[in-house]
N, C-alpha and C. Protein backbone atom coordinates (compact mmCIF):
# COMPACT_ATOMS: atom_id res chain seq x y z
N UNK A 1 10.87 2.93 -15.38
CA UNK A 1 10.08 2.31 -16.60
C UNK A 1 10.16 2.68 -17.53
N UNK A 2 11.74 2.29 -18.04
CA UNK A 2 12.24 3.08 -19.42
C UNK A 2 11.21 2.34 -20.70
N UNK A 3 10.91 1.00 -20.56
CA UNK A 3 10.48 0.22 -21.51
C UNK A 3 9.34 0.54 -21.45
N UNK A 4 8.34 0.82 -20.40
CA UNK A 4 6.89 1.18 -20.43
C UNK A 4 6.75 2.41 -21.11
N UNK A 5 7.61 3.68 -20.82
CA UNK A 5 7.96 4.75 -21.19
C UNK A 5 8.15 4.99 -22.86
N UNK A 6 8.93 4.14 -23.30
CA UNK A 6 9.01 3.86 -25.02
C UNK A 6 7.97 2.94 -25.74
N UNK A 7 7.35 2.37 -24.97
CA UNK A 7 5.82 1.91 -25.56
C UNK A 7 4.79 2.59 -25.47
N UNK A 8 4.76 3.31 -24.22
CA UNK A 8 3.65 3.81 -24.08
C UNK A 8 3.76 5.65 -23.38
N UNK A 9 4.44 6.01 -24.65
CA UNK A 9 4.75 7.57 -23.82
C UNK A 9 3.41 8.32 -23.29
N UNK A 10 2.56 8.34 -24.03
CA UNK A 10 1.52 9.29 -23.40
C UNK A 10 1.02 8.52 -21.96
N UNK A 11 0.64 7.56 -22.19
CA UNK A 11 0.35 7.06 -20.67
C UNK A 11 1.13 7.28 -19.56
N UNK A 12 2.51 7.06 -20.14
CA UNK A 12 3.62 7.49 -18.68
C UNK A 12 3.42 9.11 -18.45
N UNK A 13 3.25 9.92 -19.41
CA UNK A 13 3.04 11.35 -19.17
C UNK A 13 1.89 11.47 -18.33
N UNK A 14 0.89 10.83 -18.82
CA UNK A 14 -0.48 10.86 -18.05
C UNK A 14 -0.43 10.43 -16.70
N UNK A 15 0.62 9.54 -16.21
CA UNK A 15 0.99 8.91 -14.79
C UNK A 15 1.71 9.91 -14.14
N UNK A 16 2.60 10.51 -14.73
CA UNK A 16 3.46 11.44 -14.24
C UNK A 16 2.94 12.57 -13.78
N UNK A 17 1.56 13.28 -14.59
CA UNK A 17 0.99 14.23 -14.21
C UNK A 17 0.18 14.10 -13.00
N UNK A 18 -0.65 12.83 -13.27
CA UNK A 18 -1.24 12.14 -12.05
C UNK A 18 -0.36 12.34 -10.51
N UNK A 19 0.84 11.68 -10.72
CA UNK A 19 1.45 11.89 -9.66
C UNK A 19 1.69 13.09 -8.98
N UNK A 20 2.04 14.17 -10.13
CA UNK A 20 2.37 15.74 -9.80
C UNK A 20 0.97 16.25 -8.99
N UNK A 21 -0.10 15.83 -9.64
CA UNK A 21 -1.47 16.43 -9.07
C UNK A 21 -1.50 15.98 -7.52
N UNK A 22 -1.21 14.93 -7.30
CA UNK A 22 -1.44 14.15 -5.93
C UNK A 22 -0.54 14.42 -4.79
N UNK A 23 0.63 14.38 -5.22
CA UNK A 23 1.65 14.72 -4.31
C UNK A 23 2.60 16.05 -4.02
N UNK A 24 1.35 16.90 -3.73
CA UNK A 24 1.77 18.15 -3.16
C UNK A 24 0.91 18.67 -1.98
N UNK A 25 1.24 19.45 -1.19
CA UNK A 25 0.49 19.62 0.10
C UNK A 25 -0.80 20.27 -0.55
N UNK A 26 -2.07 19.66 0.03
CA UNK A 26 -3.39 19.96 -0.17
C UNK A 26 -4.00 19.76 1.02
N UNK A 27 -5.21 18.96 1.21
CA UNK A 27 -5.86 18.77 2.26
C UNK A 27 -4.87 17.74 3.24
N UNK A 28 -4.27 16.86 2.49
CA UNK A 28 -3.34 16.30 3.04
C UNK A 28 -1.96 16.76 2.76
N UNK A 29 -0.94 16.72 3.67
CA UNK A 29 0.23 17.05 3.22
C UNK A 29 0.88 15.92 2.57
N UNK A 30 2.26 16.63 2.11
CA UNK A 30 2.95 15.64 0.86
C UNK A 30 3.55 14.41 1.92
N UNK A 31 3.96 14.68 3.51
CA UNK A 31 4.63 13.66 4.00
C UNK A 31 3.56 12.59 3.99
N UNK A 32 2.22 13.24 4.77
CA UNK A 32 1.21 11.68 4.91
C UNK A 32 0.92 11.34 3.79
N UNK A 33 0.98 11.94 2.55
CA UNK A 33 0.43 11.09 1.39
C UNK A 33 1.68 9.94 1.13
N UNK A 34 2.78 10.46 1.48
CA UNK A 34 4.14 9.36 1.08
C UNK A 34 4.12 8.49 2.10
N UNK A 35 3.72 8.62 3.20
CA UNK A 35 3.44 7.44 4.29
C UNK A 35 2.23 6.50 4.26
N UNK A 36 1.30 7.15 3.39
CA UNK A 36 0.09 6.26 2.89
C UNK A 36 0.63 5.62 1.61
N UNK A 37 1.21 6.08 0.76
CA UNK A 37 1.90 5.75 -0.39
C UNK A 37 2.66 4.45 0.17
N UNK A 38 3.54 4.43 1.40
CA UNK A 38 4.36 3.22 1.82
C UNK A 38 3.49 2.24 2.34
N UNK A 39 2.36 2.63 3.23
CA UNK A 39 1.45 1.57 3.48
C UNK A 39 0.82 0.67 2.43
N UNK A 40 0.40 1.90 1.34
CA UNK A 40 -0.16 0.90 -0.01
C UNK A 40 0.44 0.01 -0.52
N UNK A 41 2.11 0.36 -0.65
CA UNK A 41 2.72 -0.12 -1.13
C UNK A 41 3.07 -1.28 -0.76
N UNK A 42 3.07 -1.47 0.57
CA UNK A 42 3.26 -2.52 1.59
C UNK A 42 2.15 -3.71 1.19
N UNK A 43 1.08 -3.17 1.22
CA UNK A 43 -0.08 -4.18 0.77
C UNK A 43 -0.11 -4.41 -0.72
N UNK A 44 0.55 -3.91 -1.63
CA UNK A 44 0.41 -4.25 -2.66
C UNK A 44 1.78 -4.78 -3.04
N UNK A 45 2.40 -5.42 -1.92
CA UNK A 45 3.67 -5.96 -1.98
C UNK A 45 4.78 -5.64 -3.27
N UNK A 46 4.94 -4.48 -3.32
CA UNK A 46 5.58 -3.94 -4.22
C UNK A 46 7.30 -3.32 -3.63
N UNK A 47 8.02 -3.86 -3.41
CA UNK A 47 9.32 -3.70 -2.88
C UNK A 47 9.62 -2.48 -3.19
N UNK A 48 9.83 -2.12 -4.68
CA UNK A 48 10.35 -0.89 -5.34
C UNK A 48 9.68 0.11 -4.84
N UNK A 49 8.34 -0.05 -4.84
CA UNK A 49 7.24 1.27 -4.57
C UNK A 49 7.50 1.90 -2.82
N UNK A 50 7.56 0.65 -1.99
CA UNK A 50 7.77 0.84 -0.90
C UNK A 50 8.97 1.88 -0.51
N UNK A 51 9.96 0.87 -0.88
CA UNK A 51 11.46 2.15 -1.17
C UNK A 51 11.43 3.40 -1.13
N UNK A 52 10.94 3.55 -2.48
CA UNK A 52 10.66 5.03 -3.12
C UNK A 52 10.12 5.59 -2.42
N UNK A 53 8.91 5.47 -1.90
CA UNK A 53 8.16 6.24 -0.99
C UNK A 53 8.56 6.20 0.32
N UNK A 54 9.33 5.46 1.18
CA UNK A 54 9.81 5.57 2.23
C UNK A 54 10.80 6.63 2.16
N UNK A 55 11.40 6.49 0.91
CA UNK A 55 12.68 7.79 0.81
C UNK A 55 12.05 9.17 0.74
N UNK A 56 10.85 9.18 -0.22
CA UNK A 56 10.35 10.38 -0.52
C UNK A 56 9.82 10.82 0.88
N UNK A 57 9.30 9.79 1.65
CA UNK A 57 8.47 10.07 2.86
C UNK A 57 9.66 10.75 4.08
N UNK A 58 11.03 10.45 4.12
CA UNK A 58 11.82 10.67 4.44
C UNK A 58 12.40 12.14 4.28
N UNK A 59 12.17 12.21 2.74
CA UNK A 59 12.48 13.57 2.34
C UNK A 59 11.60 14.74 2.61
N UNK A 60 10.29 14.30 2.92
CA UNK A 60 9.31 15.51 3.32
C UNK A 60 9.32 15.45 5.10
N UNK A 61 10.20 14.77 5.79
CA UNK A 61 10.35 15.04 6.95
C UNK A 61 9.98 13.77 7.83
N UNK A 62 9.41 12.59 7.37
CA UNK A 62 9.04 11.44 7.97
C UNK A 62 10.34 11.23 8.86
N UNK A 63 10.11 10.33 10.17
CA UNK A 63 10.82 9.86 10.69
C UNK A 63 10.98 8.03 10.56
N UNK A 64 11.91 7.49 10.28
CA UNK A 64 12.02 6.03 10.50
C UNK A 64 10.94 5.04 11.44
N UNK A 65 10.65 6.12 12.40
CA UNK A 65 9.71 5.42 13.34
C UNK A 65 7.95 5.58 12.77
N UNK A 66 7.90 6.88 11.99
CA UNK A 66 6.65 6.78 11.55
C UNK A 66 6.40 5.96 10.17
N UNK A 67 7.73 5.94 9.53
CA UNK A 67 7.55 4.71 8.37
C UNK A 67 6.95 3.50 8.99
N UNK A 68 8.01 3.01 10.16
CA UNK A 68 7.70 1.69 10.52
C UNK A 68 6.22 1.77 11.00
N UNK A 69 5.55 2.42 11.78
CA UNK A 69 4.47 2.78 12.18
C UNK A 69 3.01 2.44 10.82
N UNK A 70 3.43 3.23 9.73
CA UNK A 70 3.03 2.68 8.54
C UNK A 70 2.73 1.22 8.29
N UNK A 71 3.86 0.85 8.08
CA UNK A 71 4.44 -0.24 7.73
C UNK A 71 3.27 -1.12 8.73
N UNK A 72 3.20 -0.93 9.59
CA UNK A 72 2.80 -1.51 11.08
C UNK A 72 1.16 -1.59 10.82
N UNK A 73 0.83 -0.72 10.06
CA UNK A 73 -0.88 -0.34 10.06
C UNK A 73 -1.33 -1.23 8.86
N UNK A 74 -0.13 -1.20 8.06
CA UNK A 74 -0.54 -2.25 6.85
C UNK A 74 -0.49 -3.33 6.92
N UNK A 75 0.41 -4.10 7.95
CA UNK A 75 0.63 -5.11 8.16
C UNK A 75 -0.80 -5.86 9.28
N UNK A 76 -1.41 -4.77 10.00
CA UNK A 76 -2.55 -4.71 10.88
C UNK A 76 -3.73 -4.99 9.76
N UNK A 77 -4.09 -4.23 8.90
CA UNK A 77 -5.06 -4.16 7.90
C UNK A 77 -5.08 -5.86 7.14
N UNK A 78 -3.75 -5.97 6.58
CA UNK A 78 -3.68 -7.23 6.14
C UNK A 78 -3.97 -8.36 6.78
N UNK A 79 -3.84 -8.47 8.06
CA UNK A 79 -3.88 -9.52 8.88
C UNK A 79 -5.38 -9.71 9.44
N UNK A 80 -6.05 -8.21 9.75
CA UNK A 80 -7.57 -8.48 9.92
C UNK A 80 -8.24 -8.60 8.78
N UNK A 81 -7.60 -8.55 7.51
CA UNK A 81 -8.75 -8.80 6.36
C UNK A 81 -8.48 -10.39 6.18
N UNK A 82 -7.69 -11.02 7.06
CA UNK A 82 -7.50 -12.42 6.66
C UNK A 82 -8.37 -13.08 7.99
N UNK A 83 -8.57 -12.53 9.02
CA UNK A 83 -9.63 -13.08 9.82
C UNK A 83 -10.83 -13.39 9.75
N UNK A 84 -11.19 -12.25 8.75
CA UNK A 84 -12.39 -12.35 8.27
C UNK A 84 -12.63 -13.51 7.02
N UNK A 85 -11.85 -14.31 6.96
CA UNK A 85 -11.96 -15.25 5.80
C UNK A 85 -12.13 -16.61 6.99
N UNK A 86 -12.41 -16.26 8.22
CA UNK A 86 -12.86 -17.42 8.90
C UNK A 86 -14.20 -17.77 8.33
N UNK A 87 -15.23 -17.02 8.26
CA UNK A 87 -16.37 -16.88 7.64
C UNK A 87 -16.47 -17.83 6.15
N UNK A 88 -15.39 -17.59 5.56
CA UNK A 88 -15.32 -18.62 4.21
C UNK A 88 -15.19 -20.00 4.72
N UNK A 89 -13.86 -20.09 5.57
CA UNK A 89 -13.56 -21.21 6.05
C UNK A 89 -14.71 -22.12 6.67
N UNK A 90 -15.70 -21.53 7.44
CA UNK A 90 -16.65 -22.12 8.02
C UNK A 90 -17.53 -22.72 7.15
N UNK A 91 -17.99 -21.53 6.08
CA UNK A 91 -18.84 -22.31 5.22
C UNK A 91 -18.33 -23.18 4.14
N UNK A 92 -17.03 -23.39 4.09
CA UNK A 92 -16.21 -24.19 3.31
C UNK A 92 -16.41 -25.94 4.14
N UNK A 93 -16.16 -25.88 5.21
CA UNK A 93 -16.06 -26.57 6.33
C UNK A 93 -17.10 -27.05 6.93
N UNK A 94 -17.74 -26.19 7.47
CA UNK A 94 -19.07 -26.45 8.09
C UNK A 94 -18.82 -26.23 9.56
N UNK A 95 -19.84 -26.23 10.44
CA UNK A 95 -19.79 -26.24 11.79
C UNK A 95 -18.56 -27.04 12.48
N UNK A 96 -17.74 -26.09 13.32
CA UNK A 96 -16.75 -26.65 13.92
C UNK A 96 -16.90 -27.44 14.80
N UNK A 97 -17.89 -27.35 15.45
CA UNK A 97 -18.19 -28.55 16.73
C UNK A 97 -18.77 -29.69 16.07
N UNK A 98 -19.03 -29.72 14.83
CA UNK A 98 -19.51 -31.25 14.41
C UNK A 98 -18.68 -32.18 14.12
N UNK A 99 -18.46 -33.59 14.45
CA UNK A 99 -17.65 -34.46 13.94
C UNK A 99 -17.45 -34.57 12.71
N UNK A 100 -16.28 -34.60 12.22
CA UNK A 100 -15.74 -34.85 10.98
C UNK A 100 -16.21 -36.10 10.39
N UNK A 101 -16.76 -36.26 8.92
CA UNK A 101 -17.72 -37.60 8.50
C UNK A 101 -16.55 -38.37 7.82
C-alpha cells in the first residue's frame, strides 16, 4: 500500500495498529483469526488478502486442509445468502404457479 501510505500516513499507522491489536492470541488464537480472515477475504473477493491471510494462517500452524475448509465455509455462506434472494425473485415475478401474462 505504498501510495496509500504516502498519501495518508496517519491512517496507515492506525490501520497497522488495529491489525497488531487484533492479530494476537487472546480469546481466539492467531491461527483461528487468520482462518477467519481467509474466509472473510474470500467473501470480499480480495485475492491478495486471501493469499496473505492463507500464508499467515500456515505460519501459525494451519494446514492446507483447514484453509480449504475456511474457504468452503465462506462459499457456503455466499451461496446460502443467494438462496434467500428467492423471496425477492418471488416478489418481482409473482406467484410461480400462475401462468405468465
